[in-house]
Amino acid sequence: MAVYNGERYLCDAVESILAQDFSDFEFLIIDDGSTDSTAELLDTYCDPRIRLMSNESNIGLAFSFNGGLKVARGNLGADPNLRK
């Protein structure tokens, strides 16, 4: 998840993801150079599934997602059990 100056809805969004029944996941949250209290709010979470990243400045959604893909620990390849 990438966020830029999203303090208004950030906690609701994060808590919604963390409350899912499926719990075996890595939750990358990228603060895209926010200038509001986004970083401070993110620092209040201490869930082991959350990994925080932050951009020094706002680089945009696509670049933020690409940065997240580079550090993701999960297997992002195609499932060999799926049919084409």
PDB file of N, CA and C in Angstrom:
ATOM      1  N   MET A   1       0.852  -1.160   0.000  1.00  0.00           N
ATOM      2  CA  MET A   1       0.000   0.000   0.000  1.00  0.00           C
ATOM      3  C   MET A   1       0.904   1.230   0.000  1.00  0.00           C
ATOM      4  N   ALA A   2       0.628   2.144  -0.869  1.00  0.00           N
ATOM      5  CA  ALA A   2       1.344   3.418  -0.886  1.00  0.00           C
ATOM      6  C   ALA A   2       0.400   4.498  -0.371  1.00  0.00           C
ATOM      7  N   VAL A   3       0.959   5.444   0.360  1.00  0.00           N
ATOM      8  CA  VAL A   3       0.144   6.511   0.924  1.00  0.00           C
ATOM      9  C   VAL A   3       0.904   7.833   0.833  1.00  0.00           C
ATOM     10  N   TYR A   4       0.174   8.868   0.469  1.00  0.00           N
ATOM     11  CA  TYR A   4       0.729  10.222   0.446  1.00  0.00           C
ATOM     12  C   TYR A   4      -0.264  11.142   1.141  1.00  0.00           C
ATOM     13  N   ASN A   5       0.158  11.723   2.246  1.00  0.00           N
ATOM     14  CA  ASN A   5      -0.694  12.634   3.025  1.00  0.00           C
ATOM     15  C   ASN A   5      -2.074  12.034   3.270  1.00  0.00           C
ATOM     16  N   GLY A   6      -2.080  10.804   3.746  1.00  0.00           N
ATOM     17  CA  GLY A   6      -3.341  10.085   3.917  1.00  0.00           C
ATOM     18  C   GLY A   6      -3.785   9.937   5.348  1.00  0.00           C
ATOM     19  N   GLU A   7      -3.370  10.847   6.213  1.00  0.00           N
ATOM     20  CA  GLU A   7      -3.667  10.692   7.637  1.00  0.00           C
ATOM     21  C   GLU A   7      -5.160  10.520   7.925  1.00  0.00           C
ATOM     22  N   ARG A   8      -6.005  11.099   7.111  1.00  0.00           N
ATOM     23  CA  ARG A   8      -7.441  11.060   7.390  1.00  0.00           C
ATOM     24  C   ARG A   8      -8.003   9.642   7.355  1.00  0.00           C
ATOM     25  N   TYR A   9      -7.548   8.821   6.409  1.00  0.00           N
ATOM     26  CA  TYR A   9      -8.097   7.470   6.244  1.00  0.00           C
ATOM     27  C   TYR A   9      -7.080   6.371   6.536  1.00  0.00           C
ATOM     28  N   LEU A  10      -5.879   6.725   6.872  1.00  0.00           N
ATOM     29  CA  LEU A  10      -4.795   5.758   7.005  1.00  0.00           C
ATOM     30  C   LEU A  10      -5.091   4.670   8.033  1.00  0.00           C
ATOM     31  N   CYS A  11      -5.463   5.037   9.228  1.00  0.00           N
ATOM     32  CA  CYS A  11      -5.688   4.040  10.277  1.00  0.00           C
ATOM     33  C   CYS A  11      -6.812   3.090   9.906  1.00  0.00           C
ATOM     34  N   ASP A  12      -7.885   3.602   9.326  1.00  0.00           N
ATOM     35  CA  ASP A  12      -8.979   2.729   8.888  1.00  0.00           C
ATOM     36  C   ASP A  12      -8.497   1.738   7.840  1.00  0.00           C
ATOM     37  N   ALA A  13      -7.693   2.194   6.904  1.00  0.00           N
ATOM     38  CA  ALA A  13      -7.191   1.322   5.845  1.00  0.00           C
ATOM     39  C   ALA A  13      -6.273   0.244   6.408  1.00  0.00           C
ATOM     40  N   VAL A  14      -5.344   0.628   7.257  1.00  0.00           N
ATOM     41  CA  VAL A  14      -4.403  -0.336   7.834  1.00  0.00           C
ATOM     42  C   VAL A  14      -5.144  -1.346   8.704  1.00  0.00           C
ATOM     43  N   GLU A  15      -6.024  -0.876   9.546  1.00  0.00           N
ATOM     44  CA  GLU A  15      -6.752  -1.778  10.434  1.00  0.00           C
ATOM     45  C   GLU A  15      -7.662  -2.719   9.662  1.00  0.00           C
ATOM     46  N   SER A  16      -8.192  -2.270   8.538  1.00  0.00           N
ATOM     47  CA  SER A  16      -9.013  -3.138   7.698  1.00  0.00           C
ATOM     48  C   SER A  16      -8.199  -4.299   7.139  1.00  0.00           C
ATOM     49  N   ILE A  17      -6.983  -4.013   6.687  1.00  0.00           N
ATOM     50  CA  ILE A  17      -6.113  -5.067   6.170  1.00  0.00           C
ATOM     51  C   ILE A  17      -5.721  -6.027   7.291  1.00  0.00           C
ATOM     52  N   LEU A  18      -5.333  -5.510   8.431  1.00  0.00           N
ATOM     53  CA  LEU A  18      -4.886  -6.354   9.532  1.00  0.00           C
ATOM     54  C   LEU A  18      -6.005  -7.210  10.111  1.00  0.00           C
ATOM     55  N   ALA A  19      -7.244  -6.805   9.951  1.00  0.00           N
ATOM     56  CA  ALA A  19      -8.381  -7.536  10.518  1.00  0.00           C
ATOM     57  C   ALA A  19      -8.891  -8.664   9.627  1.00  0.00           C
ATOM     58  N   GLN A  20      -8.308  -8.859   8.472  1.00  0.00           N
ATOM     59  CA  GLN A  20      -8.757  -9.917   7.576  1.00  0.00           C
ATOM     60  C   GLN A  20      -8.587 -11.294   8.228  1.00  0.00           C
ATOM     61  N   ASP A  21      -9.428 -12.241   7.812  1.00  0.00           N
ATOM     62  CA  ASP A  21      -9.318 -13.607   8.322  1.00  0.00           C
ATOM     63  C   ASP A  21      -7.995 -14.239   7.913  1.00  0.00           C
ATOM     64  N   PHE A  22      -7.569 -13.989   6.670  1.00  0.00           N
ATOM     65  CA  PHE A  22      -6.279 -14.502   6.202  1.00  0.00           C
ATOM     66  C   PHE A  22      -5.192 -13.667   6.861  1.00  0.00           C
ATOM     67  N   SER A  23      -4.270 -14.326   7.541  1.00  0.00           N
ATOM     68  CA  SER A  23      -3.297 -13.554   8.309  1.00  0.00           C
ATOM     69  C   SER A  23      -1.840 -13.812   7.922  1.00  0.00           C
ATOM     70  N   ASP A  24      -1.584 -14.709   6.996  1.00  0.00           N
ATOM     71  CA  ASP A  24      -0.216 -15.032   6.604  1.00  0.00           C
ATOM     72  C   ASP A  24       0.190 -14.168   5.413  1.00  0.00           C
ATOM     73  N   PHE A  25       0.545 -12.929   5.684  1.00  0.00           N
ATOM     74  CA  PHE A  25       0.920 -12.013   4.612  1.00  0.00           C
ATOM     75  C   PHE A  25       1.945 -11.001   5.099  1.00  0.00           C
ATOM     76  N   GLU A  26       2.619 -10.411   4.143  1.00  0.00           N
ATOM     77  CA  GLU A  26       3.542  -9.309   4.389  1.00  0.00           C
ATOM     78  C   GLU A  26       2.832  -8.042   3.911  1.00  0.00           C
ATOM     79  N   PHE A  27       2.724  -7.071   4.780  1.00  0.00           N
ATOM     80  CA  PHE A  27       2.010  -5.838   4.456  1.00  0.00           C
ATOM     81  C   PHE A  27       3.034  -4.720   4.305  1.00  0.00           C
ATOM     82  N   LEU A  28       3.389  -4.432   3.072  1.00  0.00           N
ATOM     83  CA  LEU A  28       4.307  -3.330   2.795  1.00  0.00           C
ATOM     84  C   LEU A  28       3.520  -2.035   2.733  1.00  0.00           C
ATOM     85  N   ILE A  29       3.952  -1.059   3.484  1.00  0.00           N
ATOM     86  CA  ILE A  29       3.325   0.258   3.457  1.00  0.00           C
ATOM     87  C   ILE A  29       4.411   1.260   3.104  1.00  0.00           C
ATOM     88  N   ILE A  30       4.193   1.975   2.017  1.00  0.00           N
ATOM     89  CA  ILE A  30       5.170   2.936   1.527  1.00  0.00           C
ATOM     90  C   ILE A  30       4.634   4.345   1.737  1.00  0.00           C
ATOM     91  N   ASP A  31       5.298   5.097   2.587  1.00  0.00           N
ATOM     92  CA  ASP A  31       4.964   6.510   2.780  1.00  0.00           C
ATOM     93  C   ASP A  31       5.670   7.277   1.665  1.00  0.00           C
ATOM     94  N   ASP A  32       4.883   7.817   0.765  1.00  0.00           N
ATOM     95  CA  ASP A  32       5.424   8.462  -0.432  1.00  0.00           C
ATOM     96  C   ASP A  32       5.734   9.942  -0.202  1.00  0.00           C
ATOM     97  N   GLY A  33       6.585  10.203   0.791  1.00  0.00           N
ATOM     98  CA  GLY A  33       7.025  11.572   1.044  1.00  0.00           C
ATOM     99  C   GLY A  33       5.969  12.459   1.671  1.00  0.00           C
ATOM    100  N   SER A  34       5.121  11.892   2.495  1.00  0.00           N
ATOM    101  CA  SER A  34       4.040  12.663   3.124  1.00  0.00           C
ATOM    102  C   SER A  34       4.586  13.813   3.959  1.00  0.00           C
ATOM    103  N   THR A  35       3.814  14.890   3.994  1.00  0.00           N
ATOM    104  CA  THR A  35       4.172  16.053   4.804  1.00  0.00           C
ATOM    105  C   THR A  35       3.201  16.262   5.971  1.00  0.00           C
ATOM    106  N   ASP A  36       2.217  15.376   6.101  1.00  0.00           N
ATOM    107  CA  ASP A  36       1.285  15.442   7.224  1.00  0.00           C
ATOM    108  C   ASP A  36       1.769  14.460   8.303  1.00  0.00           C
ATOM    109  N   SER A  37       0.893  13.962   9.122  1.00  0.00           N
ATOM    110  CA  SER A  37       1.300  13.063  10.208  1.00  0.00           C
ATOM    111  C   SER A  37       1.264  11.587   9.826  1.00  0.00           C
ATOM    112  N   THR A  38       1.280  11.289   8.539  1.00  0.00           N
ATOM    113  CA  THR A  38       1.252   9.900   8.080  1.00  0.00           C
ATOM    114  C   THR A  38       2.368   9.072   8.707  1.00  0.00           C
ATOM    115  N   ALA A  39       3.596   9.550   8.667  1.00  0.00           N
ATOM    116  CA  ALA A  39       4.732   8.795   9.207  1.00  0.00           C
ATOM    117  C   ALA A  39       4.561   8.507  10.693  1.00  0.00           C
ATOM    118  N   GLU A  40       4.096   9.483  11.442  1.00  0.00           N
ATOM    119  CA  GLU A  40       3.909   9.297  12.872  1.00  0.00           C
ATOM    120  C   GLU A  40       2.827   8.261  13.151  1.00  0.00           C
ATOM    121  N   LEU A  41       1.750   8.299  12.373  1.00  0.00           N
ATOM    122  CA  LEU A  41       0.686   7.308  12.544  1.00  0.00           C
ATOM    123  C   LEU A  41       1.187   5.907  12.223  1.00  0.00           C
ATOM    124  N   LEU A  42       1.956   5.775  11.150  1.00  0.00           N
ATOM    125  CA  LEU A  42       2.486   4.457  10.781  1.00  0.00           C
ATOM    126  C   LEU A  42       3.415   3.920  11.860  1.00  0.00           C
ATOM    127  N   ASP A  43       4.152   4.789  12.507  1.00  0.00           N
ATOM    128  CA  ASP A  43       5.085   4.363  13.558  1.00  0.00           C
ATOM    129  C   ASP A  43       4.372   3.802  14.787  1.00  0.00           C
ATOM    130  N   THR A  44       3.078   4.029  14.914  1.00  0.00           N
ATOM    131  CA  THR A  44       2.351   3.518  16.075  1.00  0.00           C
ATOM    132  C   THR A  44       2.015   2.037  15.942  1.00  0.00           C
ATOM    133  N   TYR A  45       2.145   1.471  14.744  1.00  0.00           N
ATOM    134  CA  TYR A  45       1.810   0.059  14.529  1.00  0.00           C
ATOM    135  C   TYR A  45       3.009  -0.814  14.845  1.00  0.00           C
ATOM    136  N   CYS A  46       2.768  -1.899  15.579  1.00  0.00           N
ATOM    137  CA  CYS A  46       3.843  -2.840  15.890  1.00  0.00           C
ATOM    138  C   CYS A  46       3.378  -4.261  15.580  1.00  0.00           C
ATOM    139  N   ASP A  47       2.896  -4.444  14.376  1.00  0.00           N
ATOM    140  CA  ASP A  47       2.460  -5.754  13.902  1.00  0.00           C
ATOM    141  C   ASP A  47       3.590  -6.347  13.061  1.00  0.00           C
ATOM    142  N   PRO A  48       3.995  -7.588  13.333  1.00  0.00           N
ATOM    143  CA  PRO A  48       5.123  -8.164  12.597  1.00  0.00           C
ATOM    144  C   PRO A  48       4.877  -8.340  11.098  1.00  0.00           C
ATOM    145  N   ARG A  49       3.626  -8.289  10.678  1.00  0.00           N
ATOM    146  CA  ARG A  49       3.318  -8.415   9.250  1.00  0.00           C
ATOM    147  C   ARG A  49       3.585  -7.127   8.486  1.00  0.00           C
ATOM    148  N   ILE A  50       3.707  -6.018   9.198  1.00  0.00           N
ATOM    149  CA  ILE A  50       3.895  -4.711   8.554  1.00  0.00           C
ATOM    150  C   ILE A  50       5.369  -4.435   8.335  1.00  0.00           C
ATOM    151  N   ARG A  51       5.700  -4.006   7.126  1.00  0.00           N
ATOM    152  CA  ARG A  51       7.038  -3.488   6.809  1.00  0.00           C
ATOM    153  C   ARG A  51       6.851  -2.090   6.254  1.00  0.00           C
ATOM    154  N   LEU A  52       7.490  -1.133   6.883  1.00  0.00           N
ATOM    155  CA  LEU A  52       7.355   0.255   6.472  1.00  0.00           C
ATOM    156  C   LEU A  52       8.524   0.669   5.590  1.00  0.00           C
ATOM    157  N   MET A  53       8.198   1.423   4.569  1.00  0.00           N
ATOM    158  CA  MET A  53       9.197   2.052   3.712  1.00  0.00           C
ATOM    159  C   MET A  53       8.800   3.518   3.606  1.00  0.00           C
ATOM    160  N   SER A  54       9.766   4.364   3.317  1.00  0.00           N
ATOM    161  CA  SER A  54       9.410   5.765   3.100  1.00  0.00           C
ATOM    162  C   SER A  54      10.292   6.354   2.012  1.00  0.00           C
ATOM    163  N   ASN A  55       9.661   7.144   1.183  1.00  0.00           N
ATOM    164  CA  ASN A  55      10.369   7.876   0.139  1.00  0.00           C
ATOM    165  C   ASN A  55      10.733   9.249   0.689  1.00  0.00           C
ATOM    166  N   GLU A  56      11.902   9.737   0.327  1.00  0.00           N
ATOM    167  CA  GLU A  56      12.328  11.052   0.806  1.00  0.00           C
ATOM    168  C   GLU A  56      11.434  12.163   0.285  1.00  0.00           C
ATOM    169  N   SER A  57      10.908  11.963  -0.920  1.00  0.00           N
ATOM    170  CA  SER A  57       9.983  12.937  -1.505  1.00  0.00           C
ATOM    171  C   SER A  57       8.892  12.178  -2.234  1.00  0.00           C
ATOM    172  N   ASN A  58       7.855  12.879  -2.613  1.00  0.00           N
ATOM    173  CA  ASN A  58       6.733  12.272  -3.310  1.00  0.00           C
ATOM    174  C   ASN A  58       7.141  11.903  -4.737  1.00  0.00           C
ATOM    175  N   ILE A  59       7.172  10.600  -5.025  1.00  0.00           N
ATOM    176  CA  ILE A  59       7.574  10.136  -6.358  1.00  0.00           C
ATOM    177  C   ILE A  59       6.407   9.541  -7.137  1.00  0.00           C
ATOM    178  N   GLY A  60       5.268   9.419  -6.505  1.00  0.00           N
ATOM    179  CA  GLY A  60       4.084   8.922  -7.190  1.00  0.00           C
ATOM    180  C   GLY A  60       3.794   7.459  -6.907  1.00  0.00           C
ATOM    181  N   LEU A  61       2.569   7.096  -7.187  1.00  0.00           N
ATOM    182  CA  LEU A  61       2.059   5.768  -6.876  1.00  0.00           C
ATOM    183  C   LEU A  61       2.814   4.658  -7.596  1.00  0.00           C
ATOM    184  N   ALA A  62       2.984   4.774  -8.910  1.00  0.00           N
ATOM    185  CA  ALA A  62       3.623   3.705  -9.683  1.00  0.00           C
ATOM    186  C   ALA A  62       5.058   3.462  -9.226  1.00  0.00           C
ATOM    187  N   PHE A  63       5.833   4.517  -9.045  1.00  0.00           N
ATOM    188  CA  PHE A  63       7.216   4.351  -8.601  1.00  0.00           C
ATOM    189  C   PHE A  63       7.276   3.789  -7.177  1.00  0.00           C
ATOM    190  N   SER A  64       6.340   4.188  -6.344  1.00  0.00           N
ATOM    191  CA  SER A  64       6.294   3.654  -4.984  1.00  0.00           C
ATOM    192  C   SER A  64       5.986   2.163  -5.000  1.00  0.00           C
ATOM    193  N   PHE A  65       5.007   1.761  -5.801  1.00  0.00           N
ATOM    194  CA  PHE A  65       4.679   0.339  -5.920  1.00  0.00           C
ATOM    195  C   PHE A  65       5.865  -0.453  -6.459  1.00  0.00           C
ATOM    196  N   ASN A  66       6.552   0.075  -7.445  1.00  0.00           N
ATOM    197  CA  ASN A  66       7.709  -0.619  -8.000  1.00  0.00           C
ATOM    198  C   ASN A  66       8.803  -0.790  -6.949  1.00  0.00           C
ATOM    199  N   GLY A  67       9.003   0.207  -6.123  1.00  0.00           N
ATOM    200  CA  GLY A  67       9.964   0.086  -5.030  1.00  0.00           C
ATOM    201  C   GLY A  67       9.551  -0.995  -4.050  1.00  0.00           C
ATOM    202  N   GLY A  68       8.257  -1.074  -3.777  1.00  0.00           N
ATOM    203  CA  GLY A  68       7.751  -2.115  -2.888  1.00  0.00           C
ATOM    204  C   GLY A  68       7.946  -3.501  -3.463  1.00  0.00           C
ATOM    205  N   LEU A  69       7.738  -3.641  -4.759  1.00  0.00           N
ATOM    206  CA  LEU A  69       7.946  -4.946  -5.407  1.00  0.00           C
ATOM    207  C   LEU A  69       9.394  -5.404  -5.290  1.00  0.00           C
ATOM    208  N   LYS A  70      10.315  -4.472  -5.320  1.00  0.00           N
ATOM    209  CA  LYS A  70      11.736  -4.822  -5.244  1.00  0.00           C
ATOM    210  C   LYS A  70      12.128  -5.377  -3.876  1.00  0.00           C
ATOM    211  N   VAL A  71      11.430  -4.973  -2.832  1.00  0.00           N
ATOM    212  CA  VAL A  71      11.796  -5.425  -1.490  1.00  0.00           C
ATOM    213  C   VAL A  71      10.844  -6.472  -0.920  1.00  0.00           C
ATOM    214  N   ALA A  72       9.787  -6.781  -1.647  1.00  0.00           N
ATOM    215  CA  ALA A  72       8.816  -7.770  -1.165  1.00  0.00           C
ATOM    216  C   ALA A  72       9.492  -9.116  -0.977  1.00  0.00           C
ATOM    217  N   ARG A  73       9.158  -9.792   0.097  1.00  0.00           N
ATOM    218  CA  ARG A  73       9.761 -11.076   0.409  1.00  0.00           C
ATOM    219  C   ARG A  73       8.955 -12.249  -0.128  1.00  0.00           C
ATOM    220  N   GLY A  74       7.697 -12.019  -0.447  1.00  0.00           N
ATOM    221  CA  GLY A  74       6.838 -13.098  -0.919  1.00  0.00           C
ATOM    222  C   GLY A  74       7.173 -13.525  -2.331  1.00  0.00           C
ATOM    223  N   ASN A  75       6.709 -14.709  -2.693  1.00  0.00           N
ATOM    224  CA  ASN A  75       6.887 -15.216  -4.052  1.00  0.00           C
ATOM    225  C   ASN A  75       5.852 -14.548  -4.939  1.00  0.00           C
ATOM    226  N   LEU A  76       6.324 -13.704  -5.842  1.00  0.00           N
ATOM    227  CA  LEU A  76       5.415 -12.959  -6.710  1.00  0.00           C
ATOM    228  C   LEU A  76       5.265 -13.605  -8.081  1.00  0.00           C
ATOM    229  N   GLY A  77       5.830 -14.792  -8.239  1.00  0.00           N
ATOM    230  CA  GLY A  77       5.729 -15.504  -9.512  1.00  0.00           C
ATOM    231  C   GLY A  77       4.359 -16.134  -9.694  1.00  0.00           C
ATOM    232  N   ALA A  78       4.128 -16.592 -10.883  1.00  0.00           N
ATOM    233  CA  ALA A  78       2.855 -17.241 -11.202  1.00  0.00           C
ATOM    234  C   ALA A  78       2.743 -18.562 -10.443  1.00  0.00           C
ATOM    235  N   ASP A  79       1.566 -18.887 -10.024  1.00  0.00           N
ATOM    236  CA  ASP A  79       1.315 -20.149  -9.339  1.00  0.00           C
ATOM    237  C   ASP A  79       1.320 -21.271 -10.374  1.00  0.00           C
ATOM    238  N   PRO A  80       2.233 -22.230 -10.259  1.00  0.00           N
ATOM    239  CA  PRO A  80       2.287 -23.305 -11.264  1.00  0.00           C
ATOM    240  C   PRO A  80       1.051 -24.184 -11.263  1.00  0.00           C
ATOM    241  N   ASN A  81       0.224 -24.082 -10.214  1.00  0.00           N
ATOM    242  CA  ASN A  81      -0.990 -24.879 -10.156  1.00  0.00           C
ATOM    243  C   ASN A  81      -2.167 -24.244 -10.890  1.00  0.00           C
ATOM    244  N   LEU A  82      -2.000 -23.008 -11.308  1.00  0.00           N
ATOM    245  CA  LEU A  82      -3.075 -22.317 -12.031  1.00  0.00           C
ATOM    246  C   LEU A  82      -2.990 -22.658 -13.509  1.00  0.00           C
ATOM    247  N   ARG A  83      -4.131 -22.827 -14.117  1.00  0.00           N
ATOM    248  CA  ARG A  83      -4.165 -23.078 -15.571  1.00  0.00           C
ATOM    249  C   ARG A  83      -4.279 -21.764 -16.302  1.00  0.00           C
ATOM    250  N   LYS A  84      -3.734 -21.754 -17.478  1.00  0.00           N
ATOM    251  CA  LYS A  84      -3.824 -20.543 -18.318  1.00  0.00           C
ATOM    252  C   LYS A  84      -5.144 -20.496 -19.025  1.00  0.00           C
TER     253      LYS A  84
END
